[in-house]
Amino acid sequence: ALALSGDWGKIYEGFALSRYVYFEVVEFLFLGLSQLGIIILVFTKLSAHESDVNEMIESGEHENMEFKTSLRWDIKQDKVNKELEKTIMKTIAAFLNSDGGNLVIGIDDKKQILGLESDLGSLTRHNHDGFENHFNNIFVSMIGPEFRQHVKLSFHDINDKSVSLIQVDRAHRPVYL
């Protein structure tokens, strides 16, 4: 509105400051400050939405929060179990088809931190990149690449153990596993 209005220049001419500073300088200064304000507002809103993982865990499981012990390592059988991957994808699909939600991998239902070490050890690349690559591969094959934009994967250290937080936004069309 400031840049499009020609009347601002005429109003500015009535001020004493107009003899020392060109209107264009003032106009661009206000435009720059407005844009900076919008950027700060956006980043403030984003950081306010990023809740602390510890607080999420303390809140416990509910309709928008789920805990899973691992992505693929079955702690009872002490081996890789592909059915666990399918269970993770079912949970993500359910979040995509509802109002979204959060899934923490590496924690049991009693909020005990188990970590991702067993999962990482079962992968070709034994690090977070290997975990994310494997997650992406099973996501694309079971749900589809067009929905990956609605899923954010991050890693967090809790009590010297690594967990994965998967934040899922609602998809705008139905998701099928």
C-alpha atoms as a PDB file:
ATOM      1  CA  ALA A   1       0.000   0.000   0.000  1.00  0.00           C
ATOM      2  CA  LEU A   2       2.875   2.347   0.812  1.00  0.00           C
ATOM      3  CA  ALA A   3       4.596   1.802  -2.537  1.00  0.00           C
ATOM      4  CA  LEU A   4       1.418   2.039  -4.616  1.00  0.00           C
ATOM      5  CA  SER A   5       0.090   5.242  -3.136  1.00  0.00           C
ATOM      6  CA  GLY A   6       1.235   8.376  -4.957  1.00  0.00           C
ATOM      7  CA  ASP A   7      -0.352  10.575  -2.295  1.00  0.00           C
ATOM      8  CA  TRP A   8       2.291   9.665   0.283  1.00  0.00           C
ATOM      9  CA  GLY A   9       4.884  11.653  -1.686  1.00  0.00           C
ATOM     10  CA  LYS A  10       2.738  14.778  -1.637  1.00  0.00           C
ATOM     11  CA  ILE A  11       2.036  14.414   2.079  1.00  0.00           C
ATOM     12  CA  TYR A  12       5.762  13.875   2.756  1.00  0.00           C
ATOM     13  CA  GLU A  13       6.624  17.142   0.956  1.00  0.00           C
ATOM     14  CA  GLY A  14       4.844  19.020   3.760  1.00  0.00           C
ATOM     15  CA  PHE A  15       7.307  17.730   6.376  1.00  0.00           C
ATOM     16  CA  ALA A  16      10.563  19.521   7.175  1.00  0.00           C
ATOM     17  CA  LEU A  17      12.458  16.240   6.775  1.00  0.00           C
ATOM     18  CA  SER A  18      11.656  16.284   3.037  1.00  0.00           C
ATOM     19  CA  ARG A  19      14.304  19.001   2.524  1.00  0.00           C
ATOM     20  CA  TYR A  20      17.049  16.652   3.780  1.00  0.00           C
ATOM     21  CA  VAL A  21      15.937  13.107   2.844  1.00  0.00           C
ATOM     22  CA  TYR A  22      14.379  12.072  -0.469  1.00  0.00           C
ATOM     23  CA  PHE A  23      10.942  10.495  -0.333  1.00  0.00           C
ATOM     24  CA  GLU A  24      12.261   7.404  -2.102  1.00  0.00           C
ATOM     25  CA  VAL A  25      14.719   6.766   0.733  1.00  0.00           C
ATOM     26  CA  VAL A  26      11.963   7.012   3.340  1.00  0.00           C
ATOM     27  CA  GLU A  27       9.640   4.872   1.214  1.00  0.00           C
ATOM     28  CA  PHE A  28      12.206   2.085   0.815  1.00  0.00           C
ATOM     29  CA  LEU A  29      13.083   2.297   4.505  1.00  0.00           C
ATOM     30  CA  PHE A  30       9.437   1.742   5.473  1.00  0.00           C
ATOM     31  CA  LEU A  31       9.097  -1.069   2.922  1.00  0.00           C
ATOM     32  CA  GLY A  32      12.229  -2.769   4.272  1.00  0.00           C
ATOM     33  CA  LEU A  33      11.094  -2.421   7.880  1.00  0.00           C
ATOM     34  CA  SER A  34       7.650  -3.788   6.977  1.00  0.00           C
ATOM     35  CA  GLN A  35       9.192  -6.820   5.292  1.00  0.00           C
ATOM     36  CA  LEU A  36      11.553  -7.369   8.216  1.00  0.00           C
ATOM     37  CA  GLY A  37       8.586  -7.206  10.592  1.00  0.00           C
ATOM     38  CA  ILE A  38       6.709  -9.818   8.553  1.00  0.00           C
ATOM     39  CA  ILE A  39       9.771 -12.105   8.510  1.00  0.00           C
ATOM     40  CA  ILE A  40      10.204 -11.802  12.283  1.00  0.00           C
ATOM     41  CA  LEU A  41       6.502 -12.506  12.802  1.00  0.00           C
ATOM     42  CA  VAL A  42       6.653 -15.653  10.643  1.00  0.00           C
ATOM     43  CA  PHE A  43       9.731 -17.023  12.428  1.00  0.00           C
ATOM     44  CA  THR A  44       8.244 -16.218  15.830  1.00  0.00           C
ATOM     45  CA  LYS A  45       5.073 -18.128  14.931  1.00  0.00           C
ATOM     46  CA  LEU A  46       7.098 -21.100  13.626  1.00  0.00           C
ATOM     47  CA  SER A  47       9.273 -21.317  16.727  1.00  0.00           C
ATOM     48  CA  ALA A  48       6.200 -21.086  18.966  1.00  0.00           C
ATOM     49  CA  HIS A  49       4.736 -24.159  17.200  1.00  0.00           C
ATOM     50  CA  GLU A  50       7.897 -26.214  17.701  1.00  0.00           C
ATOM     51  CA  SER A  51       7.174 -27.632  21.108  1.00  0.00           C
ATOM     52  CA  ASP A  52       9.901 -29.128  23.195  1.00  0.00           C
ATOM     53  CA  VAL A  53      10.100 -32.886  22.631  1.00  0.00           C
ATOM     54  CA  ASN A  54      10.358 -33.477  26.364  1.00  0.00           C
ATOM     55  CA  GLU A  55       7.050 -31.687  26.918  1.00  0.00           C
ATOM     56  CA  MET A  56       5.471 -33.769  24.151  1.00  0.00           C
ATOM     57  CA  ILE A  57       6.642 -36.960  25.795  1.00  0.00           C
ATOM     58  CA  GLU A  58       5.437 -35.848  29.212  1.00  0.00           C
ATOM     59  CA  SER A  59       1.975 -35.152  27.791  1.00  0.00           C
ATOM     60  CA  GLY A  60       1.740 -38.863  26.944  1.00  0.00           C
ATOM     61  CA  GLU A  61      -0.060 -40.582  24.118  1.00  0.00           C
ATOM     62  CA  HIS A  62      -3.366 -39.216  22.872  1.00  0.00           C
ATOM     63  CA  GLU A  63      -5.176 -38.906  19.553  1.00  0.00           C
ATOM     64  CA  ASN A  64      -2.458 -36.639  18.120  1.00  0.00           C
ATOM     65  CA  MET A  65       0.564 -38.197  19.848  1.00  0.00           C
ATOM     66  CA  GLU A  66       1.890 -41.715  19.411  1.00  0.00           C
ATOM     67  CA  PHE A  67       4.997 -43.486  20.729  1.00  0.00           C
ATOM     68  CA  LYS A  68       6.714 -46.383  18.946  1.00  0.00           C
ATOM     69  CA  THR A  69       9.678 -48.346  20.252  1.00  0.00           C
ATOM     70  CA  SER A  70      11.401 -48.599  16.873  1.00  0.00           C
ATOM     71  CA  LEU A  71      11.056 -48.252  13.135  1.00  0.00           C
ATOM     72  CA  ARG A  72      12.075 -51.800  12.257  1.00  0.00           C
ATOM     73  CA  TRP A  73      13.920 -53.532  15.103  1.00  0.00           C
ATOM     74  CA  ASP A  74      11.693 -55.928  17.046  1.00  0.00           C
ATOM     75  CA  ILE A  75      13.020 -55.852  20.622  1.00  0.00           C
ATOM     76  CA  LYS A  76      11.072 -59.002  21.579  1.00  0.00           C
ATOM     77  CA  GLN A  77      12.385 -61.086  18.665  1.00  0.00           C
ATOM     78  CA  ASP A  78      15.759 -59.290  18.618  1.00  0.00           C
ATOM     79  CA  LYS A  79      15.715 -58.932  14.811  1.00  0.00           C
ATOM     80  CA  VAL A  80      14.389 -56.766  11.980  1.00  0.00           C
ATOM     81  CA  ASN A  81      10.624 -57.017  11.574  1.00  0.00           C
ATOM     82  CA  LYS A  82       9.137 -55.405   8.435  1.00  0.00           C
ATOM     83  CA  GLU A  83       5.668 -55.424  10.066  1.00  0.00           C
ATOM     84  CA  LEU A  84       6.877 -52.683  12.438  1.00  0.00           C
ATOM     85  CA  GLU A  85       7.597 -50.474   9.424  1.00  0.00           C
ATOM     86  CA  LYS A  86       4.052 -51.051   8.211  1.00  0.00           C
ATOM     87  CA  THR A  87       2.698 -50.139  11.664  1.00  0.00           C
ATOM     88  CA  ILE A  88       4.633 -46.848  11.575  1.00  0.00           C
ATOM     89  CA  MET A  89       3.265 -46.065   8.108  1.00  0.00           C
ATOM     90  CA  LYS A  90      -0.286 -46.899   9.236  1.00  0.00           C
ATOM     91  CA  THR A  91       0.049 -44.378  12.060  1.00  0.00           C
ATOM     92  CA  ILE A  92       1.399 -41.720   9.695  1.00  0.00           C
ATOM     93  CA  ALA A  93      -1.395 -42.415   7.187  1.00  0.00           C
ATOM     94  CA  ALA A  94      -3.953 -42.043   9.982  1.00  0.00           C
ATOM     95  CA  PHE A  95      -2.449 -38.666  10.957  1.00  0.00           C
ATOM     96  CA  LEU A  96      -2.422 -37.565   7.300  1.00  0.00           C
ATOM     97  CA  ASN A  97      -6.119 -38.486   7.028  1.00  0.00           C
ATOM     98  CA  SER A  98      -7.078 -36.689  10.248  1.00  0.00           C
ATOM     99  CA  ASP A  99      -5.920 -33.421  11.793  1.00  0.00           C
ATOM    100  CA  GLY A 100      -2.255 -34.452  11.817  1.00  0.00           C
ATOM    101  CA  GLY A 101      -0.177 -35.489  14.792  1.00  0.00           C
ATOM    102  CA  ASN A 102       3.218 -36.378  16.184  1.00  0.00           C
ATOM    103  CA  LEU A 103       4.945 -39.734  16.298  1.00  0.00           C
ATOM    104  CA  VAL A 104       8.028 -40.302  18.428  1.00  0.00           C
ATOM    105  CA  ILE A 105      10.130 -43.344  17.553  1.00  0.00           C
ATOM    106  CA  GLY A 106      12.458 -44.691  20.228  1.00  0.00           C
ATOM    107  CA  ILE A 107      10.041 -44.514  23.188  1.00  0.00           C
ATOM    108  CA  ASP A 108       7.729 -47.157  24.581  1.00  0.00           C
ATOM    109  CA  ASP A 109       4.138 -46.646  25.760  1.00  0.00           C
ATOM    110  CA  LYS A 110       5.346 -46.082  29.333  1.00  0.00           C
ATOM    111  CA  LYS A 111       7.471 -43.101  28.194  1.00  0.00           C
ATOM    112  CA  GLN A 112      10.710 -45.039  28.664  1.00  0.00           C
ATOM    113  CA  ILE A 113      13.411 -43.746  26.307  1.00  0.00           C
ATOM    114  CA  LEU A 114      14.797 -46.715  24.335  1.00  0.00           C
ATOM    115  CA  GLY A 115      16.573 -44.793  21.577  1.00  0.00           C
ATOM    116  CA  LEU A 116      17.194 -45.594  17.936  1.00  0.00           C
ATOM    117  CA  GLU A 117      20.468 -47.476  18.344  1.00  0.00           C
ATOM    118  CA  SER A 118      19.014 -50.879  17.392  1.00  0.00           C
ATOM    119  CA  ASP A 119      17.303 -49.392  14.343  1.00  0.00           C
ATOM    120  CA  LEU A 120      20.474 -47.570  13.309  1.00  0.00           C
ATOM    121  CA  GLY A 121      22.527 -50.738  13.729  1.00  0.00           C
ATOM    122  CA  SER A 122      20.184 -52.638  11.408  1.00  0.00           C
ATOM    123  CA  LEU A 123      20.669 -50.214   8.519  1.00  0.00           C
ATOM    124  CA  THR A 124      23.345 -50.075   5.830  1.00  0.00           C
ATOM    125  CA  ARG A 125      24.339 -46.601   7.015  1.00  0.00           C
ATOM    126  CA  HIS A 126      24.351 -46.608  10.833  1.00  0.00           C
ATOM    127  CA  ASN A 127      23.467 -42.922  11.307  1.00  0.00           C
ATOM    128  CA  HIS A 128      20.563 -40.483  11.161  1.00  0.00           C
ATOM    129  CA  ASP A 129      20.987 -40.017   7.409  1.00  0.00           C
ATOM    130  CA  GLY A 130      20.658 -43.756   6.919  1.00  0.00           C
ATOM    131  CA  PHE A 131      17.548 -43.761   9.114  1.00  0.00           C
ATOM    132  CA  GLU A 132      15.978 -40.904   7.166  1.00  0.00           C
ATOM    133  CA  ASN A 133      16.836 -42.517   3.814  1.00  0.00           C
ATOM    134  CA  HIS A 134      15.253 -45.794   4.908  1.00  0.00           C
ATOM    135  CA  PHE A 135      12.208 -43.928   6.245  1.00  0.00           C
ATOM    136  CA  ASN A 136      11.870 -42.073   2.927  1.00  0.00           C
ATOM    137  CA  ASN A 137      12.099 -45.329   0.952  1.00  0.00           C
ATOM    138  CA  ILE A 138       9.373 -47.090   2.922  1.00  0.00           C
ATOM    139  CA  PHE A 139       7.237 -43.922   2.978  1.00  0.00           C
ATOM    140  CA  VAL A 140       7.401 -43.566  -0.806  1.00  0.00           C
ATOM    141  CA  SER A 141       6.665 -47.251  -1.410  1.00  0.00           C
ATOM    142  CA  MET A 142       3.808 -47.553   1.121  1.00  0.00           C
ATOM    143  CA  ILE A 143       2.170 -44.092   1.064  1.00  0.00           C
ATOM    144  CA  GLY A 144       3.555 -42.211  -1.938  1.00  0.00           C
ATOM    145  CA  PRO A 145       5.997 -39.368  -2.628  1.00  0.00           C
ATOM    146  CA  GLU A 146       3.270 -36.753  -3.101  1.00  0.00           C
ATOM    147  CA  PHE A 147       2.493 -36.861   0.638  1.00  0.00           C
ATOM    148  CA  ARG A 148       6.094 -36.557   1.895  1.00  0.00           C
ATOM    149  CA  GLN A 149       5.745 -32.755   1.991  1.00  0.00           C
ATOM    150  CA  HIS A 150       3.299 -33.143   4.888  1.00  0.00           C
ATOM    151  CA  VAL A 151       5.785 -35.054   7.052  1.00  0.00           C
ATOM    152  CA  LYS A 152       8.740 -33.556   8.919  1.00  0.00           C
ATOM    153  CA  LEU A 153      11.339 -35.891  10.427  1.00  0.00           C
ATOM    154  CA  SER A 154      13.806 -34.682  13.063  1.00  0.00           C
ATOM    155  CA  PHE A 155      16.170 -36.240  15.601  1.00  0.00           C
ATOM    156  CA  HIS A 156      16.555 -35.302  19.265  1.00  0.00           C
ATOM    157  CA  ASP A 157      18.815 -36.491  22.060  1.00  0.00           C
ATOM    158  CA  ILE A 158      17.088 -37.350  25.319  1.00  0.00           C
ATOM    159  CA  ASN A 159      19.054 -38.863  28.212  1.00  0.00           C
ATOM    160  CA  ASP A 160      21.978 -39.570  25.841  1.00  0.00           C
ATOM    161  CA  LYS A 161      19.701 -41.542  23.512  1.00  0.00           C
ATOM    162  CA  SER A 162      18.528 -40.492  20.083  1.00  0.00           C
ATOM    163  CA  VAL A 163      14.808 -40.425  19.216  1.00  0.00           C
ATOM    164  CA  SER A 164      13.022 -39.423  16.041  1.00  0.00           C
ATOM    165  CA  LEU A 165      10.124 -36.982  16.046  1.00  0.00           C
ATOM    166  CA  ILE A 166       7.839 -37.240  13.040  1.00  0.00           C
ATOM    167  CA  GLN A 167       5.463 -34.287  12.726  1.00  0.00           C
ATOM    168  CA  VAL A 168       2.587 -34.967  10.359  1.00  0.00           C
ATOM    169  CA  ASP A 169       0.293 -32.325   8.888  1.00  0.00           C
ATOM    170  CA  ARG A 170      -3.148 -33.086   7.526  1.00  0.00           C
ATOM    171  CA  ALA A 171      -3.172 -34.047   3.849  1.00  0.00           C
ATOM    172  CA  HIS A 172      -5.642 -32.316   1.568  1.00  0.00           C
ATOM    173  CA  ARG A 173      -6.799 -35.545  -0.001  1.00  0.00           C
ATOM    174  CA  PRO A 174      -7.226 -39.107   1.262  1.00  0.00           C
ATOM    175  CA  VAL A 175      -4.132 -41.202   1.875  1.00  0.00           C
ATOM    176  CA  TYR A 176      -4.123 -44.959   1.371  1.00  0.00           C
ATOM    177  CA  LEU A 177      -1.501 -47.381   2.609  1.00  0.00           C
END
